[in-house]
């Protein structure tokens, strides 16, 4: 996979009801510019999104997902 960069940052739309991932970027500066553009657009045309923010992508552990799927939900 030469030349392919791993996404290290994610752009999130944060609302009063939760958050949703919008996009992923390998470069922090590009992610911040896009978040700024979307925040400016949201201010001019409000549609319920409170804010667009950039967060680092959390790396998953390879055994984390399988362990959760095998266990019943805790009470």
PDB file of N, CA and C in Angstrom:
ATOM      1  N   UNK A   1       0.821  -1.195   0.000  1.00  0.00           N
ATOM      2  CA  UNK A   1       0.000   0.000   0.000  1.00  0.00           C
ATOM      3  C   UNK A   1       0.860   1.251   0.000  1.00  0.00           C
ATOM      4  N   UNK A   2       1.710   1.366  -0.944  1.00  0.00           N
ATOM      5  CA  UNK A   2       2.559   2.544  -1.044  1.00  0.00           C
ATOM      6  C   UNK A   2       1.741   3.744  -1.495  1.00  0.00           C
ATOM      7  N   UNK A   3       1.968   4.878  -0.855  1.00  0.00           N
ATOM      8  CA  UNK A   3       1.288   6.097  -1.254  1.00  0.00           C
ATOM      9  C   UNK A   3      -0.081   6.299  -0.630  1.00  0.00           C
ATOM     10  N   UNK A   4      -0.590   5.304   0.085  1.00  0.00           N
ATOM     11  CA  UNK A   4      -1.900   5.434   0.712  1.00  0.00           C
ATOM     12  C   UNK A   4      -1.690   5.836   2.167  1.00  0.00           C
ATOM     13  N   UNK A   5      -2.282   6.955   2.547  1.00  0.00           N
ATOM     14  CA  UNK A   5      -2.145   7.427   3.915  1.00  0.00           C
ATOM     15  C   UNK A   5      -3.349   6.973   4.736  1.00  0.00           C
ATOM     16  N   UNK A   6      -3.077   6.592   5.963  1.00  0.00           N
ATOM     17  CA  UNK A   6      -4.134   6.168   6.866  1.00  0.00           C
ATOM     18  C   UNK A   6      -4.837   7.398   7.443  1.00  0.00           C
ATOM     19  N   UNK A   7      -6.162   7.329   7.534  1.00  0.00           N
ATOM     20  CA  UNK A   7      -6.927   8.432   8.114  1.00  0.00           C
ATOM     21  C   UNK A   7      -6.633   8.505   9.608  1.00  0.00           C
ATOM     22  N   UNK A   8      -6.158   9.655  10.055  1.00  0.00           N
ATOM     23  CA  UNK A   8      -5.806   9.832  11.459  1.00  0.00           C
ATOM     24  C   UNK A   8      -6.735  10.786  12.186  1.00  0.00           C
ATOM     25  N   UNK A   9      -7.552  11.526  11.429  1.00  0.00           N
ATOM     26  CA  UNK A   9      -8.448  12.496  12.036  1.00  0.00           C
ATOM     27  C   UNK A   9      -9.841  12.331  11.445  1.00  0.00           C
ATOM     28  N   UNK A  10     -10.861  12.533  12.274  1.00  0.00           N
ATOM     29  CA  UNK A  10     -12.224  12.430  11.774  1.00  0.00           C
ATOM     30  C   UNK A  10     -12.969  13.730  12.038  1.00  0.00           C
ATOM     31  N   UNK A  11     -13.824  14.073  11.107  1.00  0.00           N
ATOM     32  CA  UNK A  11     -14.657  15.262  11.206  1.00  0.00           C
ATOM     33  C   UNK A  11     -16.004  14.825  11.740  1.00  0.00           C
ATOM     34  N   UNK A  12     -16.416  15.407  12.866  1.00  0.00           N
ATOM     35  CA  UNK A  12     -17.653  15.014  13.533  1.00  0.00           C
ATOM     36  C   UNK A  12     -18.650  16.168  13.531  1.00  0.00           C
ATOM     37  N   UNK A  13     -19.916  15.835  13.289  1.00  0.00           N
ATOM     38  CA  UNK A  13     -21.003  16.800  13.451  1.00  0.00           C
ATOM     39  C   UNK A  13     -21.591  16.538  14.829  1.00  0.00           C
ATOM     40  N   UNK A  14     -21.466  17.501  15.723  1.00  0.00           N
ATOM     41  CA  UNK A  14     -21.939  17.360  17.092  1.00  0.00           C
ATOM     42  C   UNK A  14     -23.253  18.115  17.231  1.00  0.00           C
ATOM     43  N   UNK A  15     -24.285  17.393  17.670  1.00  0.00           N
ATOM     44  CA  UNK A  15     -25.606  17.992  17.844  1.00  0.00           C
ATOM     45  C   UNK A  15     -26.013  17.895  19.308  1.00  0.00           C
ATOM     46  N   UNK A  16     -27.196  18.380  19.601  1.00  0.00           N
ATOM     47  CA  UNK A  16     -27.730  18.260  20.954  1.00  0.00           C
ATOM     48  C   UNK A  16     -28.092  16.816  21.273  1.00  0.00           C
ATOM     49  N   UNK A  17     -28.266  16.005  20.252  1.00  0.00           N
ATOM     50  CA  UNK A  17     -28.714  14.627  20.425  1.00  0.00           C
ATOM     51  C   UNK A  17     -27.602  13.596  20.287  1.00  0.00           C
ATOM     52  N   UNK A  18     -26.393  14.011  19.975  1.00  0.00           N
ATOM     53  CA  UNK A  18     -25.284  13.081  19.811  1.00  0.00           C
ATOM     54  C   UNK A  18     -24.305  13.599  18.779  1.00  0.00           C
ATOM     55  N   UNK A  19     -23.566  12.678  18.198  1.00  0.00           N
ATOM     56  CA  UNK A  19     -22.573  13.065  17.195  1.00  0.00           C
ATOM     57  C   UNK A  19     -22.540  12.024  16.084  1.00  0.00           C
ATOM     58  N   UNK A  20     -22.075  12.482  14.902  1.00  0.00           N
ATOM     59  CA  UNK A  20     -22.014  11.617  13.735  1.00  0.00           C
ATOM     60  C   UNK A  20     -20.730  11.914  12.985  1.00  0.00           C
ATOM     61  N   UNK A  21     -20.043  10.845  12.576  1.00  0.00           N
ATOM     62  CA  UNK A  21     -18.820  11.020  11.798  1.00  0.00           C
ATOM     63  C   UNK A  21     -19.177  11.405  10.372  1.00  0.00           C
ATOM     64  N   UNK A  22     -18.548  12.470   9.869  1.00  0.00           N
ATOM     65  CA  UNK A  22     -18.824  12.980   8.531  1.00  0.00           C
ATOM     66  C   UNK A  22     -17.759  12.525   7.542  1.00  0.00           C
ATOM     67  N   UNK A  23     -16.475  12.625   7.927  1.00  0.00           N
ATOM     68  CA  UNK A  23     -15.383  12.283   7.017  1.00  0.00           C
ATOM     69  C   UNK A  23     -14.128  11.979   7.822  1.00  0.00           C
ATOM     70  N   UNK A  24     -13.145  11.369   7.128  1.00  0.00           N
ATOM     71  CA  UNK A  24     -11.838  11.102   7.737  1.00  0.00           C
ATOM     72  C   UNK A  24     -10.748  11.710   6.869  1.00  0.00           C
ATOM     73  N   UNK A  25      -9.691  12.187   7.541  1.00  0.00           N
ATOM     74  CA  UNK A  25      -8.579  12.839   6.855  1.00  0.00           C
ATOM     75  C   UNK A  25      -7.262  12.333   7.423  1.00  0.00           C
ATOM     76  N   UNK A  26      -6.229  12.306   6.591  1.00  0.00           N
ATOM     77  CA  UNK A  26      -4.901  11.916   7.061  1.00  0.00           C
ATOM     78  C   UNK A  26      -4.122  13.123   7.569  1.00  0.00           C
ATOM     79  N   UNK A  27      -4.587  14.331   7.262  1.00  0.00           N
ATOM     80  CA  UNK A  27      -3.876  15.552   7.589  1.00  0.00           C
ATOM     81  C   UNK A  27      -4.757  16.431   8.477  1.00  0.00           C
ATOM     82  N   UNK A  28      -4.239  16.851   9.618  1.00  0.00           N
ATOM     83  CA  UNK A  28      -4.993  17.668  10.564  1.00  0.00           C
ATOM     84  C   UNK A  28      -5.400  19.013   9.966  1.00  0.00           C
ATOM     85  N   UNK A  29      -4.492  19.648   9.233  1.00  0.00           N
ATOM     86  CA  UNK A  29      -4.794  20.964   8.674  1.00  0.00           C
ATOM     87  C   UNK A  29      -5.965  20.907   7.695  1.00  0.00           C
ATOM     88  N   UNK A  30      -5.999  19.883   6.867  1.00  0.00           N
ATOM     89  CA  UNK A  30      -7.095  19.735   5.904  1.00  0.00           C
ATOM     90  C   UNK A  30      -8.411  19.511   6.641  1.00  0.00           C
ATOM     91  N   UNK A  31      -8.383  18.697   7.678  1.00  0.00           N
ATOM     92  CA  UNK A  31      -9.593  18.434   8.465  1.00  0.00           C
ATOM     93  C   UNK A  31     -10.103  19.704   9.135  1.00  0.00           C
ATOM     94  N   UNK A  32      -9.186  20.502   9.685  1.00  0.00           N
ATOM     95  CA  UNK A  32      -9.588  21.748  10.352  1.00  0.00           C
ATOM     96  C   UNK A  32     -10.158  22.765   9.367  1.00  0.00           C
ATOM     97  N   UNK A  33      -9.591  22.851   8.166  1.00  0.00           N
ATOM     98  CA  UNK A  33     -10.111  23.762   7.141  1.00  0.00           C
ATOM     99  C   UNK A  33     -11.526  23.349   6.755  1.00  0.00           C
ATOM    100  N   UNK A  34     -11.742  22.054   6.555  1.00  0.00           N
ATOM    101  CA  UNK A  34     -13.075  21.572   6.175  1.00  0.00           C
ATOM    102  C   UNK A  34     -14.080  21.820   7.293  1.00  0.00           C
ATOM    103  N   UNK A  35     -13.685  21.606   8.543  1.00  0.00           N
ATOM    104  CA  UNK A  35     -14.566  21.871   9.681  1.00  0.00           C
ATOM    105  C   UNK A  35     -14.924  23.351   9.737  1.00  0.00           C
ATOM    106  N   UNK A  36     -13.959  24.213   9.486  1.00  0.00           N
ATOM    107  CA  UNK A  36     -14.205  25.653   9.485  1.00  0.00           C
ATOM    108  C   UNK A  36     -15.197  26.037   8.392  1.00  0.00           C
ATOM    109  N   UNK A  37     -15.017  25.463   7.199  1.00  0.00           N
ATOM    110  CA  UNK A  37     -15.948  25.741   6.098  1.00  0.00           C
ATOM    111  C   UNK A  37     -17.365  25.298   6.443  1.00  0.00           C
ATOM    112  N   UNK A  38     -17.490  24.112   7.018  1.00  0.00           N
ATOM    113  CA  UNK A  38     -18.817  23.598   7.375  1.00  0.00           C
ATOM    114  C   UNK A  38     -19.457  24.399   8.500  1.00  0.00           C
ATOM    115  N   UNK A  39     -18.637  24.867   9.466  1.00  0.00           N
ATOM    116  CA  UNK A  39     -19.184  25.702  10.540  1.00  0.00           C
ATOM    117  C   UNK A  39     -19.689  27.036  10.001  1.00  0.00           C
ATOM    118  N   UNK A  40     -18.953  27.623   9.050  1.00  0.00           N
ATOM    119  CA  UNK A  40     -19.406  28.879   8.431  1.00  0.00           C
ATOM    120  C   UNK A  40     -20.721  28.659   7.681  1.00  0.00           C
ATOM    121  N   UNK A  41     -20.804  27.564   6.952  1.00  0.00           N
ATOM    122  CA  UNK A  41     -22.034  27.245   6.219  1.00  0.00           C
ATOM    123  C   UNK A  41     -23.197  26.996   7.190  1.00  0.00           C
ATOM    124  N   UNK A  42     -22.923  26.305   8.291  1.00  0.00           N
ATOM    125  CA  UNK A  42     -23.974  26.009   9.284  1.00  0.00           C
ATOM    126  C   UNK A  42     -24.497  27.287   9.941  1.00  0.00           C
ATOM    127  N   UNK A  43     -23.629  28.275  10.118  1.00  0.00           N
ATOM    128  CA  UNK A  43     -24.068  29.549  10.702  1.00  0.00           C
ATOM    129  C   UNK A  43     -24.995  30.299   9.755  1.00  0.00           C
ATOM    130  N   UNK A  44     -24.706  30.217   8.449  1.00  0.00           N
ATOM    131  CA  UNK A  44     -25.558  30.898   7.466  1.00  0.00           C
ATOM    132  C   UNK A  44     -26.864  30.152   7.206  1.00  0.00           C
ATOM    133  N   UNK A  45     -26.819  28.812   7.278  1.00  0.00           N
ATOM    134  CA  UNK A  45     -27.973  27.971   6.970  1.00  0.00           C
ATOM    135  C   UNK A  45     -28.184  26.939   8.079  1.00  0.00           C
ATOM    136  N   UNK A  46     -28.714  27.343   9.222  1.00  0.00           N
ATOM    137  CA  UNK A  46     -28.859  26.406  10.340  1.00  0.00           C
ATOM    138  C   UNK A  46     -29.818  25.257  10.008  1.00  0.00           C
ATOM    139  N   UNK A  47     -29.381  24.032  10.279  1.00  0.00           N
ATOM    140  CA  UNK A  47     -30.188  22.835  10.034  1.00  0.00           C
ATOM    141  C   UNK A  47     -30.203  21.907  11.240  1.00  0.00           C
ATOM    142  N   UNK A  48     -29.849  22.417  12.404  1.00  0.00           N
ATOM    143  CA  UNK A  48     -29.887  21.600  13.599  1.00  0.00           C
ATOM    144  C   UNK A  48     -28.528  21.148  14.108  1.00  0.00           C
ATOM    145  N   UNK A  49     -27.479  21.198  13.270  1.00  0.00           N
ATOM    146  CA  UNK A  49     -26.155  20.818  13.752  1.00  0.00           C
ATOM    147  C   UNK A  49     -25.588  21.954  14.589  1.00  0.00           C
ATOM    148  N   UNK A  50     -25.070  21.615  15.742  1.00  0.00           N
ATOM    149  CA  UNK A  50     -24.525  22.622  16.636  1.00  0.00           C
ATOM    150  C   UNK A  50     -23.114  23.033  16.224  1.00  0.00           C
ATOM    151  N   UNK A  51     -22.256  22.034  15.879  1.00  0.00           N
ATOM    152  CA  UNK A  51     -20.865  22.367  15.601  1.00  0.00           C
ATOM    153  C   UNK A  51     -20.193  21.203  14.886  1.00  0.00           C
ATOM    154  N   UNK A  52     -19.206  21.526  14.052  1.00  0.00           N
ATOM    155  CA  UNK A  52     -18.372  20.521  13.403  1.00  0.00           C
ATOM    156  C   UNK A  52     -17.005  20.568  14.066  1.00  0.00           C
ATOM    157  N   UNK A  53     -16.513  19.424  14.518  1.00  0.00           N
ATOM    158  CA  UNK A  53     -15.237  19.363  15.223  1.00  0.00           C
ATOM    159  C   UNK A  53     -14.360  18.263  14.634  1.00  0.00           C
ATOM    160  N   UNK A  54     -13.042  18.402  14.833  1.00  0.00           N
ATOM    161  CA  UNK A  54     -12.076  17.402  14.385  1.00  0.00           C
ATOM    162  C   UNK A  54     -11.570  16.652  15.611  1.00  0.00           C
ATOM    163  N   UNK A  55     -11.544  15.330  15.495  1.00  0.00           N
ATOM    164  CA  UNK A  55     -11.053  14.485  16.586  1.00  0.00           C
ATOM    165  C   UNK A  55     -10.086  13.454  16.021  1.00  0.00           C
ATOM    166  N   UNK A  56      -9.140  12.999  16.835  1.00  0.00           N
ATOM    167  CA  UNK A  56      -8.244  11.934  16.357  1.00  0.00           C
ATOM    168  C   UNK A  56      -9.007  10.616  16.242  1.00  0.00           C
ATOM    169  N   UNK A  57      -8.621   9.800  15.278  1.00  0.00           N
ATOM    170  CA  UNK A  57      -9.237   8.485  15.112  1.00  0.00           C
ATOM    171  C   UNK A  57      -8.636   7.564  16.158  1.00  0.00           C
ATOM    172  N   UNK A  58      -9.494   6.877  16.905  1.00  0.00           N
ATOM    173  CA  UNK A  58      -9.027   5.923  17.903  1.00  0.00           C
ATOM    174  C   UNK A  58      -8.771   4.594  17.219  1.00  0.00           C
ATOM    175  N   UNK A  59      -7.614   4.022  17.483  1.00  0.00           N
ATOM    176  CA  UNK A  59      -7.285   2.739  16.870  1.00  0.00           C
ATOM    177  C   UNK A  59      -7.984   1.619  17.625  1.00  0.00           C
ATOM    178  N   UNK A  60      -8.563   0.691  16.857  1.00  0.00           N
ATOM    179  CA  UNK A  60      -9.227  -0.460  17.457  1.00  0.00           C
ATOM    180  C   UNK A  60      -8.232  -1.568  17.713  1.00  0.00           C
ATOM    181  N   UNK A  61      -8.460  -2.259  18.794  1.00  0.00           N
ATOM    182  CA  UNK A  61      -7.656  -3.450  19.068  1.00  0.00           C
ATOM    183  C   UNK A  61      -8.278  -4.609  18.312  1.00  0.00           C
ATOM    184  N   UNK A  62      -7.460  -5.481  17.802  1.00  0.00           N
ATOM    185  CA  UNK A  62      -7.954  -6.569  16.951  1.00  0.00           C
ATOM    186  C   UNK A  62      -8.879  -7.525  17.691  1.00  0.00           C
ATOM    187  N   UNK A  63      -8.700  -7.740  18.983  1.00  0.00           N
ATOM    188  CA  UNK A  63      -9.551  -8.678  19.711  1.00  0.00           C
ATOM    189  C   UNK A  63     -10.712  -8.009  20.427  1.00  0.00           C
ATOM    190  N   UNK A  64     -10.796  -6.699  20.400  1.00  0.00           N
ATOM    191  CA  UNK A  64     -11.834  -5.973  21.131  1.00  0.00           C
ATOM    192  C   UNK A  64     -13.227  -6.239  20.574  1.00  0.00           C
ATOM    193  N   UNK A  65     -13.398  -6.189  19.271  1.00  0.00           N
ATOM    194  CA  UNK A  65     -14.706  -6.378  18.658  1.00  0.00           C
ATOM    195  C   UNK A  65     -15.235  -7.785  18.832  1.00  0.00           C
ATOM    196  N   UNK A  66     -14.386  -8.800  18.702  1.00  0.00           N
ATOM    197  CA  UNK A  66     -14.848 -10.176  18.818  1.00  0.00           C
ATOM    198  C   UNK A  66     -15.235 -10.511  20.250  1.00  0.00           C
ATOM    199  N   UNK A  67     -14.550  -9.952  21.227  1.00  0.00           N
ATOM    200  CA  UNK A  67     -14.884 -10.236  22.622  1.00  0.00           C
ATOM    201  C   UNK A  67     -16.245  -9.653  22.974  1.00  0.00           C
ATOM    202  N   UNK A  68     -16.552  -8.494  22.467  1.00  0.00           N
ATOM    203  CA  UNK A  68     -17.847  -7.883  22.752  1.00  0.00           C
ATOM    204  C   UNK A  68     -18.993  -8.638  22.098  1.00  0.00           C
ATOM    205  N   UNK A  69     -18.774  -9.169  20.900  1.00  0.00           N
ATOM    206  CA  UNK A  69     -19.831  -9.865  20.181  1.00  0.00           C
ATOM    207  C   UNK A  69     -20.181 -11.184  20.849  1.00  0.00           C
ATOM    208  N   UNK A  70     -19.213 -11.812  21.544  1.00  0.00           N
ATOM    209  CA  UNK A  70     -19.451 -13.102  22.183  1.00  0.00           C
ATOM    210  C   UNK A  70     -20.141 -12.990  23.523  1.00  0.00           C
ATOM    211  N   UNK A  71     -20.018 -11.838  24.160  1.00  0.00           N
ATOM    212  CA  UNK A  71     -20.592 -11.663  25.485  1.00  0.00           C
ATOM    213  C   UNK A  71     -22.007 -11.088  25.417  1.00  0.00           C
ATOM    214  N   UNK A  72     -22.907 -11.565  26.278  1.00  0.00           N
ATOM    215  CA  UNK A  72     -24.238 -10.923  26.342  1.00  0.00           C
ATOM    216  C   UNK A  72     -24.107  -9.566  27.025  1.00  0.00           C
ATOM    217  N   UNK A  73     -25.065  -8.666  26.766  1.00  0.00           N
ATOM    218  CA  UNK A  73     -24.976  -7.343  27.413  1.00  0.00           C
ATOM    219  C   UNK A  73     -25.052  -7.441  28.919  1.00  0.00           C
ATOM    220  N   UNK A  74     -24.244  -6.631  29.607  1.00  0.00           N
ATOM    221  CA  UNK A  74     -24.264  -6.633  31.075  1.00  0.00           C
ATOM    222  C   UNK A  74     -25.439  -5.819  31.575  1.00  0.00           C
ATOM    223  N   UNK A  75     -25.912  -6.174  32.749  1.00  0.00           N
ATOM    224  CA  UNK A  75     -27.077  -5.478  33.327  1.00  0.00           C
ATOM    225  C   UNK A  75     -26.688  -4.618  34.469  1.00  0.00           C
TER     226      UNK A  75
END
